[in-house]
Amino acid sequence: MSFSDLMQSGRGPGVVGMLLALLVLGGFGLLFMMSVDDAPKDTKLTTQGIILEQEKEIAELKATITQRQTRLEVIPKLKETETKARETKRELLFATGRADATRTGISDLKGKIAAHKCPVISY
């Protein structure tokens, strides 16, 4: 069966299309494998180049460590502020309760005074 016979039959374009699709799919698969390759792109990297890369990485790690240490230094201050805030809140609630009790006592005393109708003595 020749190519012209294959193209004239009903299956010809389907077979050719499938072959082209497999070729395109294989090409994209090859491109994917090349782009995701874990091996270093520059195989001629010298020991000096490796040392420079490692020095850069060490410098970045040191910078990260100093940043995290400054964050850790803030934590005790924040805990101290939190305890002060809790104490202040507790004192405020206690003072509010005392003020409410005093207001209630004053209104009770005014009611008792009004009930007794004490005469006002003026000199």
C-alpha atoms as a PDB file:
ATOM      1  CA  MET A   1       0.000   0.000   0.000  1.00  0.00           C
ATOM      2  CA  SER A   2       1.525   3.290  -1.050  1.00  0.00           C
ATOM      3  CA  PHE A   3       1.134   6.722   0.466  1.00  0.00           C
ATOM      4  CA  SER A   4      -1.282   7.853  -2.229  1.00  0.00           C
ATOM      5  CA  ASP A   5      -3.453   4.789  -1.636  1.00  0.00           C
ATOM      6  CA  LEU A   6      -3.385   5.471   2.093  1.00  0.00           C
ATOM      7  CA  MET A   7      -4.424   9.114   1.584  1.00  0.00           C
ATOM      8  CA  GLN A   8      -7.275   8.137  -0.740  1.00  0.00           C
ATOM      9  CA  SER A   9      -8.753   5.711   1.740  1.00  0.00           C
ATOM     10  CA  GLY A  10     -10.858   6.813   4.702  1.00  0.00           C
ATOM     11  CA  ARG A  11      -8.148   5.972   7.241  1.00  0.00           C
ATOM     12  CA  GLY A  12      -5.298   7.806   5.584  1.00  0.00           C
ATOM     13  CA  PRO A  13      -5.726  11.308   7.012  1.00  0.00           C
ATOM     14  CA  GLY A  14      -6.415   9.845  10.466  1.00  0.00           C
ATOM     15  CA  VAL A  15      -3.238   7.784  10.433  1.00  0.00           C
ATOM     16  CA  VAL A  16      -1.123  10.681   9.157  1.00  0.00           C
ATOM     17  CA  GLY A  17      -2.682  13.022  11.726  1.00  0.00           C
ATOM     18  CA  MET A  18      -1.966  10.557  14.499  1.00  0.00           C
ATOM     19  CA  LEU A  19       1.673  10.241  13.401  1.00  0.00           C
ATOM     20  CA  LEU A  20       2.043  14.031  13.318  1.00  0.00           C
ATOM     21  CA  ALA A  21       0.430  14.308  16.747  1.00  0.00           C
ATOM     22  CA  LEU A  22       2.854  11.721  18.156  1.00  0.00           C
ATOM     23  CA  LEU A  23       5.781  13.614  16.619  1.00  0.00           C
ATOM     24  CA  VAL A  24       4.638  16.918  18.174  1.00  0.00           C
ATOM     25  CA  LEU A  25       3.971  15.259  21.523  1.00  0.00           C
ATOM     26  CA  GLY A  26       7.416  13.673  21.480  1.00  0.00           C
ATOM     27  CA  GLY A  27       8.989  17.061  20.697  1.00  0.00           C
ATOM     28  CA  PHE A  28       7.222  18.735  23.587  1.00  0.00           C
ATOM     29  CA  GLY A  29       8.209  15.868  25.879  1.00  0.00           C
ATOM     30  CA  LEU A  30      11.847  16.302  24.852  1.00  0.00           C
ATOM     31  CA  LEU A  31      11.671  20.059  25.475  1.00  0.00           C
ATOM     32  CA  PHE A  32      10.144  19.426  28.890  1.00  0.00           C
ATOM     33  CA  MET A  33      12.876  16.973  29.841  1.00  0.00           C
ATOM     34  CA  MET A  34      15.557  19.453  28.787  1.00  0.00           C
ATOM     35  CA  SER A  35      14.036  22.320  30.759  1.00  0.00           C
ATOM     36  CA  VAL A  36      13.451  20.331  33.965  1.00  0.00           C
ATOM     37  CA  ASP A  37      16.858  18.651  34.003  1.00  0.00           C
ATOM     38  CA  ASP A  38      18.426  18.790  37.476  1.00  0.00           C
ATOM     39  CA  ALA A  39      21.991  18.520  36.238  1.00  0.00           C
ATOM     40  CA  PRO A  40      23.930  21.791  36.193  1.00  0.00           C
ATOM     41  CA  LYS A  41      23.853  23.541  32.833  1.00  0.00           C
ATOM     42  CA  ASP A  42      27.506  24.518  33.007  1.00  0.00           C
ATOM     43  CA  THR A  43      29.503  21.327  33.352  1.00  0.00           C
ATOM     44  CA  LYS A  44      32.793  23.252  33.114  1.00  0.00           C
ATOM     45  CA  LEU A  45      32.314  24.836  36.542  1.00  0.00           C
ATOM     46  CA  THR A  46      35.643  25.052  38.300  1.00  0.00           C
ATOM     47  CA  THR A  47      36.331  24.617  41.981  1.00  0.00           C
ATOM     48  CA  GLN A  48      36.747  28.383  42.279  1.00  0.00           C
ATOM     49  CA  GLY A  49      33.282  28.876  40.816  1.00  0.00           C
ATOM     50  CA  ILE A  50      31.841  26.356  43.247  1.00  0.00           C
ATOM     51  CA  ILE A  51      33.576  28.122  46.154  1.00  0.00           C
ATOM     52  CA  LEU A  52      32.174  31.499  45.046  1.00  0.00           C
ATOM     53  CA  GLU A  53      28.652  30.066  44.859  1.00  0.00           C
ATOM     54  CA  GLN A  54      29.023  28.540  48.300  1.00  0.00           C
ATOM     55  CA  GLU A  55      30.319  31.834  49.717  1.00  0.00           C
ATOM     56  CA  LYS A  56      27.249  33.602  48.326  1.00  0.00           C
ATOM     57  CA  GLU A  57      25.005  30.978  49.874  1.00  0.00           C
ATOM     58  CA  ILE A  58      26.796  31.284  53.230  1.00  0.00           C
ATOM     59  CA  ALA A  59      26.399  35.074  53.143  1.00  0.00           C
ATOM     60  CA  GLU A  60      22.675  34.715  52.448  1.00  0.00           C
ATOM     61  CA  LEU A  61      22.289  32.234  55.297  1.00  0.00           C
ATOM     62  CA  LYS A  62      24.158  34.544  57.696  1.00  0.00           C
ATOM     63  CA  ALA A  63      21.866  37.421  56.729  1.00  0.00           C
ATOM     64  CA  THR A  64      18.840  35.208  57.348  1.00  0.00           C
ATOM     65  CA  ILE A  65      20.218  34.194  60.750  1.00  0.00           C
ATOM     66  CA  THR A  66      20.752  37.818  61.832  1.00  0.00           C
ATOM     67  CA  GLN A  67      17.232  38.756  60.723  1.00  0.00           C
ATOM     68  CA  ARG A  68      15.735  35.900  62.695  1.00  0.00           C
ATOM     69  CA  GLN A  69      17.839  36.744  65.768  1.00  0.00           C
ATOM     70  CA  THR A  70      16.511  40.317  65.741  1.00  0.00           C
ATOM     71  CA  ARG A  71      12.991  38.900  65.568  1.00  0.00           C
ATOM     72  CA  LEU A  72      13.739  36.650  68.539  1.00  0.00           C
ATOM     73  CA  GLU A  73      15.042  39.603  70.593  1.00  0.00           C
ATOM     74  CA  VAL A  74      11.651  41.301  70.287  1.00  0.00           C
ATOM     75  CA  ILE A  75       9.717  38.356  71.777  1.00  0.00           C
ATOM     76  CA  PRO A  76      10.622  38.967  75.483  1.00  0.00           C
ATOM     77  CA  LYS A  77       9.648  42.629  75.151  1.00  0.00           C
ATOM     78  CA  LEU A  78       6.322  41.618  73.635  1.00  0.00           C
ATOM     79  CA  LYS A  79       5.687  39.143  76.450  1.00  0.00           C
ATOM     80  CA  GLU A  80       6.458  41.839  79.028  1.00  0.00           C
ATOM     81  CA  THR A  81       4.066  44.225  77.308  1.00  0.00           C
ATOM     82  CA  GLU A  82       1.414  41.511  77.268  1.00  0.00           C
ATOM     83  CA  THR A  83       1.714  40.895  81.020  1.00  0.00           C
ATOM     84  CA  LYS A  84       1.525  44.644  81.721  1.00  0.00           C
ATOM     85  CA  ALA A  85      -1.568  44.906  79.546  1.00  0.00           C
ATOM     86  CA  ARG A  86      -3.220  42.020  81.391  1.00  0.00           C
ATOM     87  CA  GLU A  87      -2.428  43.606  84.776  1.00  0.00           C
ATOM     88  CA  THR A  88      -3.781  46.957  83.607  1.00  0.00           C
ATOM     89  CA  LYS A  89      -6.934  45.295  82.331  1.00  0.00           C
ATOM     90  CA  ARG A  90      -7.403  43.501  85.642  1.00  0.00           C
ATOM     91  CA  GLU A  91      -6.892  46.754  87.593  1.00  0.00           C
ATOM     92  CA  LEU A  92      -9.315  48.562  85.292  1.00  0.00           C
ATOM     93  CA  LEU A  93     -12.001  45.935  85.817  1.00  0.00           C
ATOM     94  CA  PHE A  94     -11.471  46.101  89.585  1.00  0.00           C
ATOM     95  CA  ALA A  95     -11.674  49.924  89.577  1.00  0.00           C
ATOM     96  CA  THR A  96     -14.789  49.815  87.395  1.00  0.00           C
ATOM     97  CA  GLY A  97     -16.421  47.412  89.835  1.00  0.00           C
ATOM     98  CA  ARG A  98     -15.539  49.655  92.767  1.00  0.00           C
ATOM     99  CA  ALA A  99     -16.900  52.714  90.950  1.00  0.00           C
ATOM    100  CA  ASP A 100     -20.165  50.895  90.179  1.00  0.00           C
ATOM    101  CA  ALA A 101     -20.464  49.823  93.822  1.00  0.00           C
ATOM    102  CA  THR A 102     -19.828  53.384  94.977  1.00  0.00           C
ATOM    103  CA  ARG A 103     -22.475  54.750  92.568  1.00  0.00           C
ATOM    104  CA  THR A 104     -24.957  52.173  93.846  1.00  0.00           C
ATOM    105  CA  GLY A 105     -24.113  53.108  97.450  1.00  0.00           C
ATOM    106  CA  ILE A 106     -24.588  56.811  96.721  1.00  0.00           C
ATOM    107  CA  SER A 107     -27.984  56.238  95.108  1.00  0.00           C
ATOM    108  CA  ASP A 108     -29.022  54.059  98.063  1.00  0.00           C
ATOM    109  CA  LEU A 109     -27.957  56.781 100.522  1.00  0.00           C
ATOM    110  CA  LYS A 110     -29.861  59.411  98.541  1.00  0.00           C
ATOM    111  CA  GLY A 111     -32.946  57.182  98.661  1.00  0.00           C
ATOM    112  CA  LYS A 112     -32.597  56.733 102.441  1.00  0.00           C
ATOM    113  CA  ILE A 113     -32.130  60.475 102.935  1.00  0.00           C
ATOM    114  CA  ALA A 114     -35.202  61.185 100.858  1.00  0.00           C
ATOM    115  CA  ALA A 115     -37.151  58.549 102.807  1.00  0.00           C
ATOM    116  CA  HIS A 116     -36.279  60.075 106.162  1.00  0.00           C
ATOM    117  CA  LYS A 117     -36.928  63.607 104.968  1.00  0.00           C
ATOM    118  CA  CYS A 118     -34.420  65.086 107.306  1.00  0.00           C
ATOM    119  CA  PRO A 119     -34.948  68.789 107.822  1.00  0.00           C
ATOM    120  CA  VAL A 120     -32.200  70.987 106.606  1.00  0.00           C
ATOM    121  CA  ILE A 121     -30.749  73.015 109.423  1.00  0.00           C
ATOM    122  CA  SER A 122     -29.676  76.447 108.428  1.00  0.00           C
ATOM    123  CA  TYR A 123     -27.968  78.880 110.678  1.00  0.00           C
END
